[in-house]
Amino acid sequence: MSEDLRGAVSRDNAEHYVWGGVSDGWRLLDDEGLSVIEERVPAGAGEEWHVHDTADQFFYVLEGHAEMQTEAGARQLTAGEGLHVQARLAHRFFNPGSGDVRFLVISAPNTRADRRAVEFRVDN
């Protein structure tokens, strides 16, 4: 049995993109059924509210402090903690800390063409 081993992947050789004007993403794995992305979000920055109709996601914090806001409520995350966000749940990732937050977001299937902005707000 032969497997397709593509070699080691890192931020140095992964596809890089910038989102929100200030945050970085590196596509570590970008297959149709699964994606793994490492992201860096600076203090005070975050995503817009959005939803994925088919993809489940798992967010795992590598460094820093984050807040996952969902229509079901907000959850604080620190390094070494993760959270599953099911498909069709409105959410946004936010960095309330004073430094960068680095995290992995694992999506199945891939979220390309499966993201739409929604209007939602968490009242603090």
C-alpha atoms as a PDB file:
ATOM      1  CA  MET A   1       0.000   0.000   0.000  1.00  0.00           C
ATOM      2  CA  SER A   2       1.452   3.316  -1.088  1.00  0.00           C
ATOM      3  CA  GLU A   3       0.631   6.704   0.397  1.00  0.00           C
ATOM      4  CA  ASP A   4       1.164  10.122  -1.122  1.00  0.00           C
ATOM      5  CA  LEU A   5       3.596  11.782   1.288  1.00  0.00           C
ATOM      6  CA  ARG A   6       3.998  15.403   0.295  1.00  0.00           C
ATOM      7  CA  GLY A   7       6.792  16.233   2.698  1.00  0.00           C
ATOM      8  CA  ALA A   8       6.885  18.406   5.756  1.00  0.00           C
ATOM      9  CA  VAL A   9       4.812  21.571   5.713  1.00  0.00           C
ATOM     10  CA  SER A  10       5.413  24.724   7.722  1.00  0.00           C
ATOM     11  CA  ARG A  11       4.635  28.429   7.620  1.00  0.00           C
ATOM     12  CA  ASP A  12       7.816  28.805   5.571  1.00  0.00           C
ATOM     13  CA  ASN A  13       6.486  26.766   2.639  1.00  0.00           C
ATOM     14  CA  ALA A  14       2.693  27.018   3.036  1.00  0.00           C
ATOM     15  CA  GLU A  15       0.461  29.359   1.051  1.00  0.00           C
ATOM     16  CA  HIS A  16       0.242  32.645   3.008  1.00  0.00           C
ATOM     17  CA  TYR A  17      -2.589  35.172   2.957  1.00  0.00           C
ATOM     18  CA  VAL A  18      -3.593  38.286   4.894  1.00  0.00           C
ATOM     19  CA  TRP A  19      -7.155  38.801   6.082  1.00  0.00           C
ATOM     20  CA  GLY A  20      -8.865  41.723   7.766  1.00  0.00           C
ATOM     21  CA  GLY A  21      -5.884  43.855   6.754  1.00  0.00           C
ATOM     22  CA  VAL A  22      -3.847  42.795   9.816  1.00  0.00           C
ATOM     23  CA  SER A  23      -4.128  39.026  10.361  1.00  0.00           C
ATOM     24  CA  ASP A  24      -2.093  36.237   8.748  1.00  0.00           C
ATOM     25  CA  GLY A  25      -3.065  32.765   7.610  1.00  0.00           C
ATOM     26  CA  TRP A  26      -0.989  29.834   6.353  1.00  0.00           C
ATOM     27  CA  ARG A  27      -2.734  26.978   4.518  1.00  0.00           C
ATOM     28  CA  LEU A  28      -0.926  23.956   5.959  1.00  0.00           C
ATOM     29  CA  LEU A  29      -3.368  21.494   4.342  1.00  0.00           C
ATOM     30  CA  ASP A  30      -5.839  22.495   1.656  1.00  0.00           C
ATOM     31  CA  ASP A  31      -7.717  19.414   0.454  1.00  0.00           C
ATOM     32  CA  GLU A  32     -11.364  19.331  -0.581  1.00  0.00           C
ATOM     33  CA  GLY A  33     -12.469  17.321   2.444  1.00  0.00           C
ATOM     34  CA  LEU A  34     -10.131  18.805   5.058  1.00  0.00           C
ATOM     35  CA  SER A  35      -8.174  21.987   5.675  1.00  0.00           C
ATOM     36  CA  VAL A  36      -5.694  22.942   8.388  1.00  0.00           C
ATOM     37  CA  ILE A  37      -4.788  26.609   8.692  1.00  0.00           C
ATOM     38  CA  GLU A  38      -2.500  28.345  11.158  1.00  0.00           C
ATOM     39  CA  GLU A  39      -3.525  31.926  11.826  1.00  0.00           C
ATOM     40  CA  ARG A  40      -2.107  34.918  13.695  1.00  0.00           C
ATOM     41  CA  VAL A  41      -4.444  37.628  14.942  1.00  0.00           C
ATOM     42  CA  PRO A  42      -3.059  40.780  16.612  1.00  0.00           C
ATOM     43  CA  ALA A  43      -4.543  42.331  19.748  1.00  0.00           C
ATOM     44  CA  GLY A  44      -8.000  43.820  19.236  1.00  0.00           C
ATOM     45  CA  ALA A  45      -8.559  42.187  15.841  1.00  0.00           C
ATOM     46  CA  GLY A  46     -10.950  39.477  14.758  1.00  0.00           C
ATOM     47  CA  GLU A  47     -13.203  38.056  12.100  1.00  0.00           C
ATOM     48  CA  GLU A  48     -16.548  39.310  10.907  1.00  0.00           C
ATOM     49  CA  TRP A  49     -19.616  37.310  11.902  1.00  0.00           C
ATOM     50  CA  HIS A  50     -20.084  34.443   9.469  1.00  0.00           C
ATOM     51  CA  VAL A  51     -21.439  30.927   9.060  1.00  0.00           C
ATOM     52  CA  HIS A  52     -20.377  27.781   7.212  1.00  0.00           C
ATOM     53  CA  ASP A  53     -23.267  25.744   5.836  1.00  0.00           C
ATOM     54  CA  THR A  54     -21.414  22.432   5.576  1.00  0.00           C
ATOM     55  CA  ALA A  55     -18.061  22.648   7.369  1.00  0.00           C
ATOM     56  CA  ASP A  56     -17.469  21.800  11.002  1.00  0.00           C
ATOM     57  CA  GLN A  57     -14.449  23.582  12.480  1.00  0.00           C
ATOM     58  CA  PHE A  58     -12.100  23.038  15.394  1.00  0.00           C
ATOM     59  CA  PHE A  59     -10.136  26.031  16.706  1.00  0.00           C
ATOM     60  CA  TYR A  60      -7.033  25.226  18.799  1.00  0.00           C
ATOM     61  CA  VAL A  61      -5.056  28.040  20.446  1.00  0.00           C
ATOM     62  CA  LEU A  62      -1.279  27.658  20.239  1.00  0.00           C
ATOM     63  CA  GLU A  63      -0.299  30.947  21.849  1.00  0.00           C
ATOM     64  CA  GLY A  64      -2.125  33.862  23.459  1.00  0.00           C
ATOM     65  CA  HIS A  65      -5.695  34.450  24.554  1.00  0.00           C
ATOM     66  CA  ALA A  66      -8.755  34.337  22.314  1.00  0.00           C
ATOM     67  CA  GLU A  67     -12.497  34.615  22.457  1.00  0.00           C
ATOM     68  CA  MET A  68     -14.767  32.535  20.254  1.00  0.00           C
ATOM     69  CA  GLN A  69     -18.069  34.342  19.940  1.00  0.00           C
ATOM     70  CA  THR A  70     -21.032  32.311  18.702  1.00  0.00           C
ATOM     71  CA  GLU A  71     -24.767  32.790  18.565  1.00  0.00           C
ATOM     72  CA  ALA A  72     -24.828  30.363  21.528  1.00  0.00           C
ATOM     73  CA  GLY A  73     -22.520  32.601  23.614  1.00  0.00           C
ATOM     74  CA  ALA A  74     -18.854  33.488  24.022  1.00  0.00           C
ATOM     75  CA  ARG A  75     -16.043  31.241  25.218  1.00  0.00           C
ATOM     76  CA  GLN A  76     -12.574  32.303  26.386  1.00  0.00           C
ATOM     77  CA  LEU A  77      -9.668  30.180  25.133  1.00  0.00           C
ATOM     78  CA  THR A  78      -6.019  30.150  26.172  1.00  0.00           C
ATOM     79  CA  ALA A  79      -3.008  28.286  24.817  1.00  0.00           C
ATOM     80  CA  GLY A  80      -3.615  24.539  24.833  1.00  0.00           C
ATOM     81  CA  GLU A  81      -7.406  24.831  24.579  1.00  0.00           C
ATOM     82  CA  GLY A  82      -9.703  24.227  21.630  1.00  0.00           C
ATOM     83  CA  LEU A  83     -13.343  24.498  20.674  1.00  0.00           C
ATOM     84  CA  HIS A  84     -15.541  22.730  18.114  1.00  0.00           C
ATOM     85  CA  VAL A  85     -17.850  24.983  16.084  1.00  0.00           C
ATOM     86  CA  GLN A  86     -20.512  23.045  14.228  1.00  0.00           C
ATOM     87  CA  ALA A  87     -21.709  23.890  10.730  1.00  0.00           C
ATOM     88  CA  ARG A  88     -24.522  26.482  10.550  1.00  0.00           C
ATOM     89  CA  LEU A  89     -23.525  28.117  13.882  1.00  0.00           C
ATOM     90  CA  ALA A  90     -22.845  31.854  13.425  1.00  0.00           C
ATOM     91  CA  HIS A  91     -19.454  32.715  14.907  1.00  0.00           C
ATOM     92  CA  ARG A  92     -16.406  34.957  14.941  1.00  0.00           C
ATOM     93  CA  PHE A  93     -12.901  34.570  16.359  1.00  0.00           C
ATOM     94  CA  PHE A  94     -11.636  37.604  18.311  1.00  0.00           C
ATOM     95  CA  ASN A  95      -8.412  38.501  20.128  1.00  0.00           C
ATOM     96  CA  PRO A  96      -9.208  40.501  23.294  1.00  0.00           C
ATOM     97  CA  GLY A  97      -5.644  40.138  24.616  1.00  0.00           C
ATOM     98  CA  SER A  98      -2.686  42.507  24.576  1.00  0.00           C
ATOM     99  CA  GLY A  99      -0.513  40.398  22.265  1.00  0.00           C
ATOM    100  CA  ASP A 100      -0.850  38.195  19.213  1.00  0.00           C
ATOM    101  CA  VAL A 101      -2.853  34.985  19.311  1.00  0.00           C
ATOM    102  CA  ARG A 102      -1.770  32.041  17.157  1.00  0.00           C
ATOM    103  CA  PHE A 103      -4.126  29.152  16.521  1.00  0.00           C
ATOM    104  CA  LEU A 104      -5.005  26.286  14.238  1.00  0.00           C
ATOM    105  CA  VAL A 105      -8.370  26.045  12.541  1.00  0.00           C
ATOM    106  CA  ILE A 106      -9.211  22.604  11.190  1.00  0.00           C
ATOM    107  CA  SER A 107     -12.215  22.400   8.864  1.00  0.00           C
ATOM    108  CA  ALA A 108     -14.031  19.397   7.421  1.00  0.00           C
ATOM    109  CA  PRO A 109     -14.885  19.695   4.639  1.00  0.00           C
ATOM    110  CA  ASN A 110     -12.791  22.612   3.396  1.00  0.00           C
ATOM    111  CA  THR A 111     -14.405  26.040   3.917  1.00  0.00           C
ATOM    112  CA  ARG A 112     -13.522  27.445   0.480  1.00  0.00           C
ATOM    113  CA  ALA A 113     -16.837  28.614  -1.046  1.00  0.00           C
ATOM    114  CA  ASP A 114     -18.600  27.685   2.230  1.00  0.00           C
ATOM    115  CA  ARG A 115     -18.555  30.976   4.105  1.00  0.00           C
ATOM    116  CA  ARG A 116     -21.137  33.701   4.182  1.00  0.00           C
ATOM    117  CA  ALA A 117     -21.274  36.830   6.264  1.00  0.00           C
ATOM    118  CA  VAL A 118     -24.167  37.185   8.691  1.00  0.00           C
ATOM    119  CA  GLU A 119     -25.304  39.957  10.957  1.00  0.00           C
ATOM    120  CA  PHE A 120     -25.043  38.947  14.573  1.00  0.00           C
ATOM    121  CA  ARG A 121     -23.911  40.686  17.716  1.00  0.00           C
ATOM    122  CA  VAL A 122     -22.863  39.618  21.212  1.00  0.00           C
ATOM    123  CA  ASP A 123     -23.824  42.109  23.889  1.00  0.00           C
ATOM    124  CA  ASN A 124     -21.245  42.222  26.681  1.00  0.00           C
END
